[in-house]
Amino acid sequence: MSDWDRSQQVDDLLNCLPEVLPPPRVRAQLRLAAGLTQQDVADAVGVKRVAVTRWELGQTNPRRPHRENYLRLLKGLADRFPEAAKADEGSATPSSEGGSG
């Protein structure tokens, strides 16, 4: 197997891993750092406000297609507000946990 084939195989493995959501506390901190309300996030992602509340409390995690949109929003907020994203480094919540929304 060539080095290129091995590199492609590694990329394939990485691409099939689920993306990880930040811990619930960081989700809320990112939203607050941006000056957004839970309703703002809910409207953007396409869910009810109570779903965002549950995500931020760690009671549930978003499911597709809301998970992808929420994750994209959180990544964008983390880029703009890196200090809020670092507030709870080291503990991540797998996106495969039960969810709602």
C-alpha atoms as a PDB file:
ATOM      1  CA  MET A   1       0.000   0.000   0.000  1.00  0.00           C
ATOM      2  CA  SER A   2       1.386   3.384  -0.975  1.00  0.00           C
ATOM      3  CA  ASP A   3       1.787   6.310   1.388  1.00  0.00           C
ATOM      4  CA  TRP A   4      -0.984   8.106  -0.503  1.00  0.00           C
ATOM      5  CA  ASP A   5      -3.338   5.124   0.050  1.00  0.00           C
ATOM      6  CA  ARG A   6      -2.496   5.104   3.756  1.00  0.00           C
ATOM      7  CA  SER A   7      -3.079   8.828   3.980  1.00  0.00           C
ATOM      8  CA  GLN A   8      -6.461   8.405   2.280  1.00  0.00           C
ATOM      9  CA  GLN A   9      -7.335   5.581   4.668  1.00  0.00           C
ATOM     10  CA  VAL A  10      -6.550   7.799   7.663  1.00  0.00           C
ATOM     11  CA  ASP A  11      -8.682  10.598   6.204  1.00  0.00           C
ATOM     12  CA  ASP A  12     -11.542   8.155   5.679  1.00  0.00           C
ATOM     13  CA  LEU A  13     -11.365   7.063   9.319  1.00  0.00           C
ATOM     14  CA  LEU A  14     -11.346  10.645  10.560  1.00  0.00           C
ATOM     15  CA  ASN A  15     -14.287  11.606   8.360  1.00  0.00           C
ATOM     16  CA  CYS A  16     -16.483   8.841   9.767  1.00  0.00           C
ATOM     17  CA  LEU A  17     -15.974   9.888  13.400  1.00  0.00           C
ATOM     18  CA  PRO A  18     -18.842  11.877  14.893  1.00  0.00           C
ATOM     19  CA  GLU A  19     -18.167  15.529  15.634  1.00  0.00           C
ATOM     20  CA  VAL A  20     -18.057  16.403  19.308  1.00  0.00           C
ATOM     21  CA  LEU A  21     -20.185  19.094  20.883  1.00  0.00           C
ATOM     22  CA  PRO A  22     -18.661  21.295  23.560  1.00  0.00           C
ATOM     23  CA  PRO A  23     -19.808  20.664  27.130  1.00  0.00           C
ATOM     24  CA  PRO A  24     -23.227  22.125  27.972  1.00  0.00           C
ATOM     25  CA  ARG A  25     -21.735  24.901  30.111  1.00  0.00           C
ATOM     26  CA  VAL A  26     -19.549  26.058  27.227  1.00  0.00           C
ATOM     27  CA  ARG A  27     -22.513  26.021  24.862  1.00  0.00           C
ATOM     28  CA  ALA A  28     -24.277  28.538  27.107  1.00  0.00           C
ATOM     29  CA  GLN A  29     -21.117  30.611  27.606  1.00  0.00           C
ATOM     30  CA  LEU A  30     -20.567  30.900  23.860  1.00  0.00           C
ATOM     31  CA  ARG A  31     -24.148  32.046  23.357  1.00  0.00           C
ATOM     32  CA  LEU A  32     -23.888  34.588  26.164  1.00  0.00           C
ATOM     33  CA  ALA A  33     -20.525  35.884  24.919  1.00  0.00           C
ATOM     34  CA  ALA A  34     -22.200  36.652  21.585  1.00  0.00           C
ATOM     35  CA  GLY A  35     -25.097  38.398  23.312  1.00  0.00           C
ATOM     36  CA  LEU A  36     -27.601  35.893  21.918  1.00  0.00           C
ATOM     37  CA  THR A  37     -30.715  34.646  23.639  1.00  0.00           C
ATOM     38  CA  GLN A  38     -31.804  31.036  23.676  1.00  0.00           C
ATOM     39  CA  GLN A  39     -34.652  32.113  21.400  1.00  0.00           C
ATOM     40  CA  ASP A  40     -32.146  33.582  18.922  1.00  0.00           C
ATOM     41  CA  VAL A  41     -30.332  30.250  18.774  1.00  0.00           C
ATOM     42  CA  ALA A  42     -33.580  28.278  18.578  1.00  0.00           C
ATOM     43  CA  ASP A  43     -34.829  30.399  15.672  1.00  0.00           C
ATOM     44  CA  ALA A  44     -31.535  30.030  13.794  1.00  0.00           C
ATOM     45  CA  VAL A  45     -31.282  26.273  14.326  1.00  0.00           C
ATOM     46  CA  GLY A  46     -34.979  25.595  13.765  1.00  0.00           C
ATOM     47  CA  VAL A  47     -36.105  24.296  17.158  1.00  0.00           C
ATOM     48  CA  LYS A  48     -38.117  25.521  20.122  1.00  0.00           C
ATOM     49  CA  ARG A  49     -36.382  27.511  22.854  1.00  0.00           C
ATOM     50  CA  VAL A  50     -36.893  24.688  25.348  1.00  0.00           C
ATOM     51  CA  ALA A  51     -34.668  22.438  23.196  1.00  0.00           C
ATOM     52  CA  VAL A  52     -31.795  24.946  23.476  1.00  0.00           C
ATOM     53  CA  THR A  53     -32.394  25.131  27.240  1.00  0.00           C
ATOM     54  CA  ARG A  54     -32.106  21.346  27.502  1.00  0.00           C
ATOM     55  CA  TRP A  55     -28.974  21.295  25.357  1.00  0.00           C
ATOM     56  CA  GLU A  56     -27.329  23.922  27.561  1.00  0.00           C
ATOM     57  CA  LEU A  57     -28.307  22.060  30.734  1.00  0.00           C
ATOM     58  CA  GLY A  58     -26.915  18.808  29.371  1.00  0.00           C
ATOM     59  CA  GLN A  59     -30.289  17.096  29.589  1.00  0.00           C
ATOM     60  CA  THR A  60     -30.290  16.262  25.877  1.00  0.00           C
ATOM     61  CA  ASN A  61     -28.205  16.790  22.764  1.00  0.00           C
ATOM     62  CA  PRO A  62     -29.470  17.894  19.365  1.00  0.00           C
ATOM     63  CA  ARG A  63     -30.203  15.345  16.678  1.00  0.00           C
ATOM     64  CA  ARG A  64     -29.900  15.695  12.919  1.00  0.00           C
ATOM     65  CA  PRO A  65     -30.380  17.996  11.127  1.00  0.00           C
ATOM     66  CA  HIS A  66     -30.357  20.374  14.083  1.00  0.00           C
ATOM     67  CA  ARG A  67     -27.098  18.956  15.438  1.00  0.00           C
ATOM     68  CA  GLU A  68     -25.160  19.986  12.344  1.00  0.00           C
ATOM     69  CA  ASN A  69     -26.575  23.509  12.396  1.00  0.00           C
ATOM     70  CA  TYR A  70     -26.031  23.907  16.140  1.00  0.00           C
ATOM     71  CA  LEU A  71     -22.490  22.587  15.886  1.00  0.00           C
ATOM     72  CA  ARG A  72     -21.758  25.002  13.026  1.00  0.00           C
ATOM     73  CA  LEU A  73     -23.081  27.889  15.119  1.00  0.00           C
ATOM     74  CA  LEU A  74     -21.021  26.847  18.151  1.00  0.00           C
ATOM     75  CA  LYS A  75     -17.854  26.520  16.056  1.00  0.00           C
ATOM     76  CA  GLY A  76     -18.412  29.991  14.618  1.00  0.00           C
ATOM     77  CA  LEU A  77     -18.980  31.444  18.077  1.00  0.00           C
ATOM     78  CA  ALA A  78     -15.881  29.661  19.392  1.00  0.00           C
ATOM     79  CA  ASP A  79     -13.825  31.260  16.611  1.00  0.00           C
ATOM     80  CA  ARG A  80     -15.135  34.706  17.545  1.00  0.00           C
ATOM     81  CA  PHE A  81     -15.063  34.222  21.316  1.00  0.00           C
ATOM     82  CA  PRO A  82     -12.160  31.846  22.055  1.00  0.00           C
ATOM     83  CA  GLU A  83     -12.084  32.708  25.762  1.00  0.00           C
ATOM     84  CA  ALA A  84     -15.661  31.489  26.196  1.00  0.00           C
ATOM     85  CA  ALA A  85     -14.783  28.288  24.351  1.00  0.00           C
ATOM     86  CA  LYS A  86     -11.803  27.606  26.631  1.00  0.00           C
ATOM     87  CA  ALA A  87     -13.811  27.989  29.822  1.00  0.00           C
ATOM     88  CA  ASP A  88     -14.260  24.254  30.224  1.00  0.00           C
ATOM     89  CA  GLU A  89     -11.566  22.649  28.075  1.00  0.00           C
ATOM     90  CA  GLY A  90     -10.923  18.975  28.410  1.00  0.00           C
ATOM     91  CA  SER A  91     -14.438  17.633  28.784  1.00  0.00           C
ATOM     92  CA  ALA A  92     -16.445  17.082  25.643  1.00  0.00           C
ATOM     93  CA  THR A  93     -19.912  15.689  25.177  1.00  0.00           C
ATOM     94  CA  PRO A  94     -20.158  13.073  22.454  1.00  0.00           C
ATOM     95  CA  SER A  95     -22.742  13.934  19.851  1.00  0.00           C
ATOM     96  CA  SER A  96     -23.944  10.346  19.903  1.00  0.00           C
ATOM     97  CA  GLU A  97     -25.702  10.782  23.259  1.00  0.00           C
ATOM     98  CA  GLY A  98     -29.487  10.880  23.313  1.00  0.00           C
ATOM     99  CA  GLY A  99     -30.968  14.065  21.983  1.00  0.00           C
ATOM    100  CA  SER A 100     -33.988  16.060  21.164  1.00  0.00           C
ATOM    101  CA  GLY A 101     -34.790  18.709  18.647  1.00  0.00           C
END
